[in-house]
Protein backbone atom coordinates (compact mmCIF):
# COMPACT_ATOMS: atom_id res chain seq x y z
CA MET A 1 83.06 11.37 -5.86
CA ASN A 2 83.25 7.52 -7.29
CA PRO A 3 83.99 7.66 -11.55
CA ILE A 4 81.25 5.56 -12.10
CA ILE A 5 78.69 8.27 -9.89
CA ASP A 6 80.17 10.77 -12.51
CA HIS A 7 79.21 8.72 -16.04
CA ILE A 8 75.93 8.09 -14.53
CA SER A 9 74.93 11.87 -13.96
CA LEU A 10 76.32 12.40 -17.04
CA CYS A 11 74.12 9.81 -18.89
CA ILE A 12 71.31 10.77 -17.07
CA GLU A 13 72.10 14.45 -18.28
CA ARG A 14 72.86 13.53 -22.16
CA GLY A 15 70.38 11.05 -23.00
CA LYS A 16 72.36 8.30 -22.99
CA VAL A 17 70.27 5.49 -22.53
CA ASP A 18 72.72 2.60 -22.91
CA ILE A 19 75.77 0.85 -25.28
CA ARG A 20 73.53 -0.28 -28.07
CA SER A 21 71.93 3.40 -28.07
CA PRO A 22 73.04 5.55 -31.49
CA TYR A 23 71.88 8.54 -29.19
CA PRO A 24 74.05 11.08 -28.28
CA PRO A 25 76.02 11.38 -31.29
CA ASP A 26 79.16 11.75 -29.69
CA LEU A 27 78.63 8.93 -27.25
CA LYS A 28 77.73 6.08 -29.85
CA GLY A 29 79.24 2.88 -28.88
CA GLN A 30 80.17 4.01 -25.16
CA PRO A 31 78.10 2.61 -22.21
CA GLY A 32 75.18 4.14 -21.12
CA ALA A 33 73.43 4.71 -17.56
CA ASP A 34 71.75 1.37 -18.05
CA GLU A 35 75.23 -0.38 -17.94
CA TRP A 36 76.90 2.09 -15.58
CA ALA A 37 74.43 1.32 -12.97
CA ARG A 38 75.13 -2.04 -12.91
CA ASP A 39 78.53 -1.67 -12.79
CA ALA A 40 78.40 0.63 -9.68
CA LEU A 41 75.71 -1.97 -8.10
CA GLU A 42 78.19 -5.25 -8.80
CA GLN A 43 81.04 -2.26 -6.95
CA GLY A 44 79.16 -2.37 -4.33
CA LEU A 45 77.88 1.73 -4.23
CA SER A 46 74.94 1.96 -2.89
CA PRO A 47 71.54 2.74 -4.12
CA GLU A 48 71.24 6.02 -2.57
CA SER A 49 74.42 7.16 -3.95
CA ILE A 50 73.12 6.24 -7.67
CA LEU A 51 69.78 8.04 -7.14
CA SER A 52 71.77 10.92 -5.85
CA ALA A 53 73.51 10.69 -9.42
CA CYS A 54 70.36 10.47 -11.29
CA ASN A 55 69.33 13.65 -9.47
CA THR A 56 72.30 15.43 -10.35
CA GLY A 57 71.48 14.64 -14.11
CA MET A 58 68.53 15.67 -13.92
CA GLU A 59 68.98 18.58 -12.57
CA ARG A 60 71.62 19.52 -15.18
CA VAL A 61 69.28 18.76 -18.00
CA GLY A 62 66.33 20.61 -16.38
CA ALA A 63 68.40 23.89 -16.21
CA LYS A 64 69.18 23.93 -19.65
CA PHE A 65 65.73 23.27 -20.17
CA GLY A 66 65.04 26.54 -18.01
CA ARG A 67 67.74 28.49 -20.12
CA ASN A 68 66.01 27.11 -23.61
CA GLU A 69 69.53 25.17 -24.64
CA VAL A 70 67.85 21.99 -25.18
CA PHE A 71 64.51 21.24 -25.76
CA VAL A 72 61.32 18.41 -24.93
CA PRO A 73 63.09 15.87 -26.93
CA GLU A 74 66.28 15.82 -24.68
CA LEU A 75 64.26 15.71 -21.78
CA LEU A 76 62.29 12.51 -22.59
CA MET A 77 65.27 10.68 -23.44
CA ALA A 78 67.20 11.78 -20.31
CA ALA A 79 64.31 10.35 -18.76
CA LYS A 80 64.32 7.33 -20.72
CA ALA A 81 68.23 7.41 -19.44
CA MET A 82 66.91 7.78 -15.77
CA ASN A 83 64.68 4.55 -16.80
CA ALA A 84 66.66 2.28 -17.20
CA VAL A 85 68.97 3.49 -13.90
CA MET A 86 65.49 2.63 -12.03
CA ALA A 87 65.39 -0.52 -14.14
CA HIS A 88 68.25 -1.79 -11.60
CA LEU A 89 66.85 0.07 -8.63
CA LYS A 90 63.53 -1.22 -8.20
CA PRO A 91 64.21 -4.48 -7.13
CA HIS A 92 66.30 -2.63 -3.60
CA PHE A 93 63.02 -0.44 -3.29
CA GLN A 94 61.11 -3.78 -3.19
CA ALA A 95 63.41 -5.37 -0.88
CA GLY A 96 63.17 -2.03 1.46
CA THR A 97 66.82 -1.44 1.11
CA VAL A 98 65.80 2.04 -0.05
CA LYS A 99 63.62 3.66 1.92
CA GLU A 100 60.72 5.72 -0.44
CA LYS A 101 60.33 9.21 0.88
CA GLY A 102 56.02 8.94 0.21
CA THR A 103 53.38 8.59 -2.46
CA PHE A 104 52.55 10.65 -5.25
CA VAL A 105 49.26 10.27 -7.00
CA LEU A 106 49.92 12.09 -10.24
CA GLY A 107 47.19 12.75 -13.42
CA THR A 108 46.57 14.67 -16.27
CA VAL A 109 42.92 15.84 -15.30
CA ALA A 110 39.57 15.27 -17.05
CA GLY A 111 39.39 16.61 -20.82
CA ASP A 112 42.89 16.52 -21.33
CA LEU A 113 45.20 13.87 -22.96
CA HIS A 114 48.57 15.36 -22.91
CA ASP A 115 51.37 12.93 -21.21
CA ILE A 116 54.51 14.30 -22.27
CA GLY A 117 54.62 16.71 -19.21
CA LYS A 118 52.91 14.31 -16.62
CA ASN A 119 55.50 11.78 -16.73
CA LEU A 120 58.73 13.26 -17.42
CA VAL A 121 57.62 14.53 -13.83
CA SER A 122 56.72 10.73 -13.09
CA MET A 123 59.90 9.89 -13.79
CA VAL A 124 62.03 12.46 -12.11
CA VAL A 125 60.10 12.01 -9.33
CA ALA A 126 60.58 8.26 -9.39
CA GLY A 127 63.81 8.78 -9.49
CA ASN A 128 64.18 10.82 -6.45
CA GLY A 129 63.25 8.38 -4.34
CA TRP A 130 59.11 8.64 -4.42
CA LYS A 131 56.28 5.78 -5.12
CA VAL A 132 54.60 7.15 -8.03
CA VAL A 133 50.78 6.07 -8.53
CA ASP A 134 50.34 7.63 -12.49
CA LEU A 135 46.42 7.38 -13.01
CA GLY A 136 47.23 8.66 -16.75
CA VAL A 137 44.88 11.19 -18.51
CA ASP A 138 41.51 12.52 -18.38
CA VAL A 139 41.17 11.63 -14.91
CA LYS A 140 37.97 12.46 -13.61
CA PRO A 141 38.52 14.36 -9.54
CA SER A 142 36.62 10.70 -8.60
CA LYS A 143 39.46 9.05 -9.40
CA PHE A 144 42.18 10.98 -7.67
CA ILE A 145 39.98 10.64 -4.72
CA ASP A 146 39.77 6.85 -4.75
CA ALA A 147 43.38 6.45 -5.33
CA ILE A 148 44.04 9.15 -2.29
CA ARG A 149 41.89 6.87 0.08
CA GLN A 150 43.81 4.11 -1.38
CA HIS A 151 46.99 5.42 -0.48
CA PRO A 152 46.54 7.68 3.08
CA GLY A 153 49.10 10.25 3.52
CA CYS A 154 49.87 10.72 -0.59
CA ILE A 155 50.65 14.04 -2.10
CA VAL A 156 48.63 14.32 -5.58
CA GLY A 157 50.01 16.40 -9.01
CA LEU A 158 47.02 17.82 -11.31
CA SER A 159 48.45 18.45 -14.66
CA ALA A 160 47.18 20.06 -17.80
CA LEU A 161 48.51 21.37 -21.00
CA LEU A 162 44.97 23.14 -22.48
CA THR A 163 43.73 26.11 -21.19
CA THR A 164 40.55 25.11 -21.65
CA THR A 165 40.92 21.74 -19.53
CA MET A 166 42.51 24.28 -16.41
CA ALA A 167 38.32 24.50 -14.69
CA ASN A 168 38.14 21.23 -14.81
CA MET A 169 41.84 21.49 -12.78
CA ALA A 170 40.48 24.28 -9.91
CA LYS A 171 37.65 21.83 -10.22
CA THR A 172 39.73 18.89 -8.98
CA VAL A 173 41.52 21.04 -6.25
CA GLN A 174 38.05 21.97 -5.24
CA GLU A 175 36.73 18.77 -4.53
CA ILE A 176 39.83 17.13 -3.21
CA LYS A 177 40.26 19.78 -0.88
CA GLY A 178 36.62 20.22 -0.06
CA GLN A 179 36.32 16.27 1.14
CA LEU A 180 40.08 15.76 1.97
CA PRO A 181 41.54 18.82 3.38
CA GLU A 182 44.68 17.70 5.07
CA VAL A 183 45.84 16.55 1.41
CA LYS A 184 48.67 18.63 -0.16
CA VAL A 185 47.89 19.54 -4.26
CA LEU A 186 50.21 20.51 -6.46
CA VAL A 187 49.39 21.62 -9.83
CA GLY A 188 51.61 22.22 -13.57
CA GLY A 189 51.38 22.51 -17.02
CA ALA A 190 52.16 24.71 -19.82
CA PRO A 191 49.54 27.35 -19.04
CA LEU A 192 49.56 27.69 -15.79
CA ASN A 193 51.79 30.56 -13.05
CA GLN A 194 51.57 30.86 -9.68
CA LYS A 195 48.48 33.32 -9.73
CA HIS A 196 46.67 30.59 -10.94
CA ALA A 197 47.67 27.53 -8.38
CA ASP A 198 46.58 29.95 -5.58
CA ASP A 199 43.41 30.97 -7.22
CA MET A 200 42.57 27.25 -7.32
CA GLY A 201 43.07 26.52 -3.95
CA ALA A 202 46.18 24.22 -5.00
CA ASP A 203 49.63 24.17 -2.17
CA GLY A 204 51.90 24.38 -4.66
CA TYR A 205 52.82 24.93 -8.54
CA ALA A 206 55.78 23.33 -10.21
CA PRO A 207 56.71 24.59 -13.47
CA ASP A 208 58.72 21.46 -14.36
CA PRO A 209 59.84 18.22 -12.87
CA GLN A 210 62.58 19.85 -10.69
CA GLY A 211 59.90 21.89 -9.53
CA ALA A 212 57.45 19.03 -8.58
CA VAL A 213 60.68 16.92 -6.66
CA ALA A 214 61.45 20.67 -4.38
CA PHE A 215 57.94 21.05 -3.44
CA LEU A 216 57.43 17.15 -2.39
CA ASN A 217 60.89 17.00 -0.72
CA LYS A 218 59.70 19.96 1.37
CA ALA A 219 56.23 18.54 1.84
CA ALA A 220 57.34 15.49 2.91
């Protein structure tokens, strides 16, 4: 593997955004994801290989998160580093040199204003080659349905952090399935588990961003 690809994966895993970033302390003053991604493209490495490096880095930090070796701040820094890479890759998506896998419509359900988990999922999914349509927070079922109609063939992701808004999530799933039964719906968030997803009638449950990517890649 090209050493630049290894550097990109490491910078994503460790949350090293660019050379100016003081985080993490042991990499202070060293190039970050931003510089390595630019160098990779200048040396003729394919956007696909750079995307793959992002995926590898996020898989590693995601596994650490699952083992309680890192926490949400570290995940956010990893996502920020990946965003730096995506800024370099965006023109290649727009030019059609990198084919997007599909469209993922994502939002936090009505009554819930939490977006950290949703934003992490958005960044990781985008880094794996999907077009993400982020509807934000406190999203009513009608807004999800309008977005689905605007993006035929999309997959939908519903997020909730509050136990009290799980009822709104269930209602959203039911309204989507009632009007557009062919649409695949993925749910996630701290209060949920697979049984909740099954009871709501969702097609899948993701406990973390990598779980969302796995579901999307399988459903595509």
